[in-house]
């Protein structure tokens, strides 16, 4: 069993989702199954089949969350420091071709959200940044082609 690195915020999000799915979603789905079952013939009951499918998806996600939480290695980013990029670092980059600046925090796979500026430790750009420091250039081969970035700053918050 491999440990899954994640920040405290990511761990709290997973716990909150698990609690919601077990405490709110599960009883609501069970009630929907009971309601659909009371409508008679189950072989042609679309509501019943939809509720059963929703139940299966919810239970699968609960199992996935329980597994992630049990294997979580919570890393307190506020206690990290240094000048090189590693898990938890917030890195400011500039695209060497377009001069576009971006800021990314390197987090665990389960908590990555590009729209929120959090990228997975296993993403191509994060793997290219690990071990580098301010002023270094990196080349990232991604599905959209190869891109070059310069690291402007590395901080831990």
C-alpha atoms as a PDB file:
ATOM      1  CA  UNK A   1       0.000   0.000   0.000  1.00  0.00           C
ATOM      2  CA  UNK A   2       1.587   3.229  -1.141  1.00  0.00           C
ATOM      3  CA  UNK A   3       1.051   6.375   0.863  1.00  0.00           C
ATOM      4  CA  UNK A   4      -0.794   9.172  -0.937  1.00  0.00           C
ATOM      5  CA  UNK A   5       0.696  12.627  -0.260  1.00  0.00           C
ATOM      6  CA  UNK A   6      -1.776  15.446   0.292  1.00  0.00           C
ATOM      7  CA  UNK A   7      -2.072  18.784   2.004  1.00  0.00           C
ATOM      8  CA  UNK A   8      -4.158  19.330   5.123  1.00  0.00           C
ATOM      9  CA  UNK A   9      -6.778  21.195   3.054  1.00  0.00           C
ATOM     10  CA  UNK A  10      -7.009  18.327   0.562  1.00  0.00           C
ATOM     11  CA  UNK A  11      -7.417  15.802   3.376  1.00  0.00           C
ATOM     12  CA  UNK A  12     -10.180  17.905   4.953  1.00  0.00           C
ATOM     13  CA  UNK A  13     -11.988  18.100   1.578  1.00  0.00           C
ATOM     14  CA  UNK A  14     -11.893  14.323   1.185  1.00  0.00           C
ATOM     15  CA  UNK A  15     -13.200  13.799   4.726  1.00  0.00           C
ATOM     16  CA  UNK A  16     -16.019  16.300   4.154  1.00  0.00           C
ATOM     17  CA  UNK A  17     -17.035  14.598   0.898  1.00  0.00           C
ATOM     18  CA  UNK A  18     -16.990  11.172   2.582  1.00  0.00           C
ATOM     19  CA  UNK A  19     -19.118  12.439   5.477  1.00  0.00           C
ATOM     20  CA  UNK A  20     -21.623  14.016   3.044  1.00  0.00           C
ATOM     21  CA  UNK A  21     -21.853  10.915   0.878  1.00  0.00           C
ATOM     22  CA  UNK A  22     -22.363   8.629   3.889  1.00  0.00           C
ATOM     23  CA  UNK A  23     -24.616  10.894   5.953  1.00  0.00           C
ATOM     24  CA  UNK A  24     -26.723  12.680   3.327  1.00  0.00           C
ATOM     25  CA  UNK A  25     -26.432  11.082  -0.122  1.00  0.00           C
ATOM     26  CA  UNK A  26     -26.639   7.424   0.972  1.00  0.00           C
ATOM     27  CA  UNK A  27     -29.927   7.825   2.955  1.00  0.00           C
ATOM     28  CA  UNK A  28     -31.460   9.918   0.153  1.00  0.00           C
ATOM     29  CA  UNK A  29     -30.597   7.284  -2.454  1.00  0.00           C
ATOM     30  CA  UNK A  30     -31.948   4.477  -0.255  1.00  0.00           C
ATOM     31  CA  UNK A  31     -35.179   6.446   0.151  1.00  0.00           C
ATOM     32  CA  UNK A  32     -35.376   6.911  -3.631  1.00  0.00           C
ATOM     33  CA  UNK A  33     -34.908   3.153  -4.144  1.00  0.00           C
ATOM     34  CA  UNK A  34     -37.685   2.407  -1.637  1.00  0.00           C
ATOM     35  CA  UNK A  35     -40.008   4.921  -3.292  1.00  0.00           C
ATOM     36  CA  UNK A  36     -39.336   3.501  -6.763  1.00  0.00           C
ATOM     37  CA  UNK A  37     -39.764  -0.056  -5.470  1.00  0.00           C
ATOM     38  CA  UNK A  38     -43.261   0.826  -4.208  1.00  0.00           C
ATOM     39  CA  UNK A  39     -44.327   1.714  -7.758  1.00  0.00           C
ATOM     40  CA  UNK A  40     -44.614  -1.932  -8.727  1.00  0.00           C
ATOM     41  CA  UNK A  41     -42.958  -3.948 -11.516  1.00  0.00           C
ATOM     42  CA  UNK A  42     -39.186  -3.477 -11.147  1.00  0.00           C
ATOM     43  CA  UNK A  43     -38.293  -4.835 -14.603  1.00  0.00           C
ATOM     44  CA  UNK A  44     -39.786  -1.778 -16.328  1.00  0.00           C
ATOM     45  CA  UNK A  45     -39.250   0.772 -13.572  1.00  0.00           C
ATOM     46  CA  UNK A  46     -36.788   3.405 -14.848  1.00  0.00           C
ATOM     47  CA  UNK A  47     -36.778   5.283 -11.526  1.00  0.00           C
ATOM     48  CA  UNK A  48     -35.720   2.115  -9.708  1.00  0.00           C
ATOM     49  CA  UNK A  49     -32.915   1.353 -12.150  1.00  0.00           C
ATOM     50  CA  UNK A  50     -31.668   4.970 -12.050  1.00  0.00           C
ATOM     51  CA  UNK A  51     -31.686   4.972  -8.239  1.00  0.00           C
ATOM     52  CA  UNK A  52     -29.834   1.624  -8.126  1.00  0.00           C
ATOM     53  CA  UNK A  53     -27.218   2.976 -10.555  1.00  0.00           C
ATOM     54  CA  UNK A  54     -26.826   6.131  -8.462  1.00  0.00           C
ATOM     55  CA  UNK A  55     -26.457   3.933  -5.371  1.00  0.00           C
ATOM     56  CA  UNK A  56     -23.682   1.931  -7.042  1.00  0.00           C
ATOM     57  CA  UNK A  57     -21.815   5.067  -8.110  1.00  0.00           C
ATOM     58  CA  UNK A  58     -22.112   6.591  -4.632  1.00  0.00           C
ATOM     59  CA  UNK A  59     -20.912   3.404  -2.901  1.00  0.00           C
ATOM     60  CA  UNK A  60     -17.984   3.181  -5.338  1.00  0.00           C
ATOM     61  CA  UNK A  61     -16.940   6.752  -4.558  1.00  0.00           C
ATOM     62  CA  UNK A  62     -17.287   6.072  -0.805  1.00  0.00           C
ATOM     63  CA  UNK A  63     -14.952   3.081  -1.138  1.00  0.00           C
ATOM     64  CA  UNK A  64     -12.488   5.190  -3.155  1.00  0.00           C
ATOM     65  CA  UNK A  65     -12.552   7.983  -0.547  1.00  0.00           C
ATOM     66  CA  UNK A  66     -12.089   5.534   2.336  1.00  0.00           C
ATOM     67  CA  UNK A  67      -9.076   4.046   0.533  1.00  0.00           C
ATOM     68  CA  UNK A  68      -7.516   7.472  -0.135  1.00  0.00           C
ATOM     69  CA  UNK A  69      -8.066   8.610   3.455  1.00  0.00           C
ATOM     70  CA  UNK A  70      -6.593   5.397   4.875  1.00  0.00           C
ATOM     71  CA  UNK A  71      -3.449   5.791   2.736  1.00  0.00           C
ATOM     72  CA  UNK A  72      -3.137   9.571   3.141  1.00  0.00           C
ATOM     73  CA  UNK A  73       0.170  11.067   4.188  1.00  0.00           C
ATOM     74  CA  UNK A  74      -0.832  14.566   5.267  1.00  0.00           C
ATOM     75  CA  UNK A  75       1.963  17.101   4.765  1.00  0.00           C
ATOM     76  CA  UNK A  76       1.781  20.441   6.571  1.00  0.00           C
ATOM     77  CA  UNK A  77       2.929  22.861   3.864  1.00  0.00           C
ATOM     78  CA  UNK A  78       3.340  25.707   6.387  1.00  0.00           C
ATOM     79  CA  UNK A  79       6.240  23.796   7.968  1.00  0.00           C
ATOM     80  CA  UNK A  80       8.082  23.337   4.675  1.00  0.00           C
ATOM     81  CA  UNK A  81      10.770  25.682   3.445  1.00  0.00           C
ATOM     82  CA  UNK A  82      13.621  25.841   1.000  1.00  0.00           C
ATOM     83  CA  UNK A  83      14.597  27.231  -2.343  1.00  0.00           C
ATOM     84  CA  UNK A  84      13.906  24.148  -4.478  1.00  0.00           C
ATOM     85  CA  UNK A  85      10.569  22.962  -5.794  1.00  0.00           C
ATOM     86  CA  UNK A  86       9.009  20.032  -3.931  1.00  0.00           C
ATOM     87  CA  UNK A  87       5.565  18.860  -2.828  1.00  0.00           C
ATOM     88  CA  UNK A  88       3.505  21.743  -1.453  1.00  0.00           C
ATOM     89  CA  UNK A  89       5.518  24.478  -3.141  1.00  0.00           C
ATOM     90  CA  UNK A  90       3.756  27.375  -4.826  1.00  0.00           C
ATOM     91  CA  UNK A  91       5.707  28.123  -7.994  1.00  0.00           C
ATOM     92  CA  UNK A  92       5.420  31.198 -10.203  1.00  0.00           C
ATOM     93  CA  UNK A  93       6.424  30.533 -13.818  1.00  0.00           C
ATOM     94  CA  UNK A  94       6.666  32.486 -17.024  1.00  0.00           C
ATOM     95  CA  UNK A  95       6.154  30.852 -20.420  1.00  0.00           C
ATOM     96  CA  UNK A  96       9.342  31.674 -22.362  1.00  0.00           C
ATOM     97  CA  UNK A  97       7.447  31.887 -25.675  1.00  0.00           C
ATOM     98  CA  UNK A  98       4.310  33.847 -24.748  1.00  0.00           C
ATOM     99  CA  UNK A  99       5.562  35.673 -21.609  1.00  0.00           C
ATOM    100  CA  UNK A 100       2.376  34.478 -19.867  1.00  0.00           C
ATOM    101  CA  UNK A 101       2.825  34.113 -16.108  1.00  0.00           C
ATOM    102  CA  UNK A 102       1.225  31.311 -14.125  1.00  0.00           C
ATOM    103  CA  UNK A 103       1.223  30.284 -10.484  1.00  0.00           C
ATOM    104  CA  UNK A 104       0.829  26.644  -9.461  1.00  0.00           C
ATOM    105  CA  UNK A 105       0.806  24.843  -6.134  1.00  0.00           C
ATOM    106  CA  UNK A 106       2.020  21.249  -6.281  1.00  0.00           C
ATOM    107  CA  UNK A 107      -0.435  18.993  -4.437  1.00  0.00           C
ATOM    108  CA  UNK A 108      -1.532  15.344  -4.313  1.00  0.00           C
ATOM    109  CA  UNK A 109      -3.406  13.668  -7.151  1.00  0.00           C
ATOM    110  CA  UNK A 110      -6.740  13.614  -5.296  1.00  0.00           C
ATOM    111  CA  UNK A 111      -6.796  17.366  -4.635  1.00  0.00           C
ATOM    112  CA  UNK A 112      -5.494  18.718  -7.946  1.00  0.00           C
ATOM    113  CA  UNK A 113      -7.691  21.396  -9.554  1.00  0.00           C
ATOM    114  CA  UNK A 114      -6.182  23.365 -12.429  1.00  0.00           C
ATOM    115  CA  UNK A 115      -8.867  26.068 -12.209  1.00  0.00           C
ATOM    116  CA  UNK A 116      -7.849  26.674  -8.569  1.00  0.00           C
ATOM    117  CA  UNK A 117      -4.126  26.728  -9.415  1.00  0.00           C
ATOM    118  CA  UNK A 118      -3.343  23.309  -7.891  1.00  0.00           C
ATOM    119  CA  UNK A 119      -1.552  20.741 -10.032  1.00  0.00           C
ATOM    120  CA  UNK A 120      -0.850  17.104  -9.271  1.00  0.00           C
ATOM    121  CA  UNK A 121       2.614  16.024  -8.169  1.00  0.00           C
ATOM    122  CA  UNK A 122       2.445  13.426 -10.948  1.00  0.00           C
ATOM    123  CA  UNK A 123       1.605  15.905 -13.735  1.00  0.00           C
ATOM    124  CA  UNK A 124       4.271  16.489 -16.426  1.00  0.00           C
ATOM    125  CA  UNK A 125       4.840  20.123 -15.419  1.00  0.00           C
ATOM    126  CA  UNK A 126       5.192  19.294 -11.705  1.00  0.00           C
ATOM    127  CA  UNK A 127       7.605  16.434 -12.433  1.00  0.00           C
ATOM    128  CA  UNK A 128       9.701  18.809 -14.553  1.00  0.00           C
ATOM    129  CA  UNK A 129       9.792  21.409 -11.735  1.00  0.00           C
ATOM    130  CA  UNK A 130      10.745  19.084  -8.851  1.00  0.00           C
ATOM    131  CA  UNK A 131      14.266  19.849  -7.626  1.00  0.00           C
ATOM    132  CA  UNK A 132      14.585  23.075  -9.627  1.00  0.00           C
ATOM    133  CA  UNK A 133      14.889  26.551  -8.106  1.00  0.00           C
ATOM    134  CA  UNK A 134      14.339  30.228  -8.968  1.00  0.00           C
ATOM    135  CA  UNK A 135      15.899  31.185 -12.311  1.00  0.00           C
ATOM    136  CA  UNK A 136      15.964  27.632 -13.691  1.00  0.00           C
ATOM    137  CA  UNK A 137      14.389  26.849 -17.055  1.00  0.00           C
ATOM    138  CA  UNK A 138      12.319  23.743 -17.568  1.00  0.00           C
ATOM    139  CA  UNK A 139      11.002  22.049 -20.670  1.00  0.00           C
ATOM    140  CA  UNK A 140       7.670  20.285 -20.402  1.00  0.00           C
ATOM    141  CA  UNK A 141       6.457  17.791 -22.963  1.00  0.00           C
ATOM    142  CA  UNK A 142       2.671  17.799 -22.767  1.00  0.00           C
ATOM    143  CA  UNK A 143      -0.085  16.580 -25.081  1.00  0.00           C
ATOM    144  CA  UNK A 144      -0.248  20.070 -26.639  1.00  0.00           C
ATOM    145  CA  UNK A 145       3.465  20.018 -27.478  1.00  0.00           C
ATOM    146  CA  UNK A 146       6.685  21.033 -25.823  1.00  0.00           C
ATOM    147  CA  UNK A 147       6.742  24.247 -23.721  1.00  0.00           C
ATOM    148  CA  UNK A 148       9.581  26.058 -21.971  1.00  0.00           C
ATOM    149  CA  UNK A 149       9.119  27.896 -18.676  1.00  0.00           C
ATOM    150  CA  UNK A 150      11.359  29.872 -16.360  1.00  0.00           C
ATOM    151  CA  UNK A 151      10.804  29.604 -12.607  1.00  0.00           C
ATOM    152  CA  UNK A 152      10.299  33.104 -11.164  1.00  0.00           C
ATOM    153  CA  UNK A 153       9.741  32.180  -7.530  1.00  0.00           C
ATOM    154  CA  UNK A 154       9.313  29.246  -5.149  1.00  0.00           C
ATOM    155  CA  UNK A 155       7.465  29.709  -1.870  1.00  0.00           C
ATOM    156  CA  UNK A 156       5.695  27.661   0.751  1.00  0.00           C
ATOM    157  CA  UNK A 157       2.553  29.008   2.401  1.00  0.00           C
END
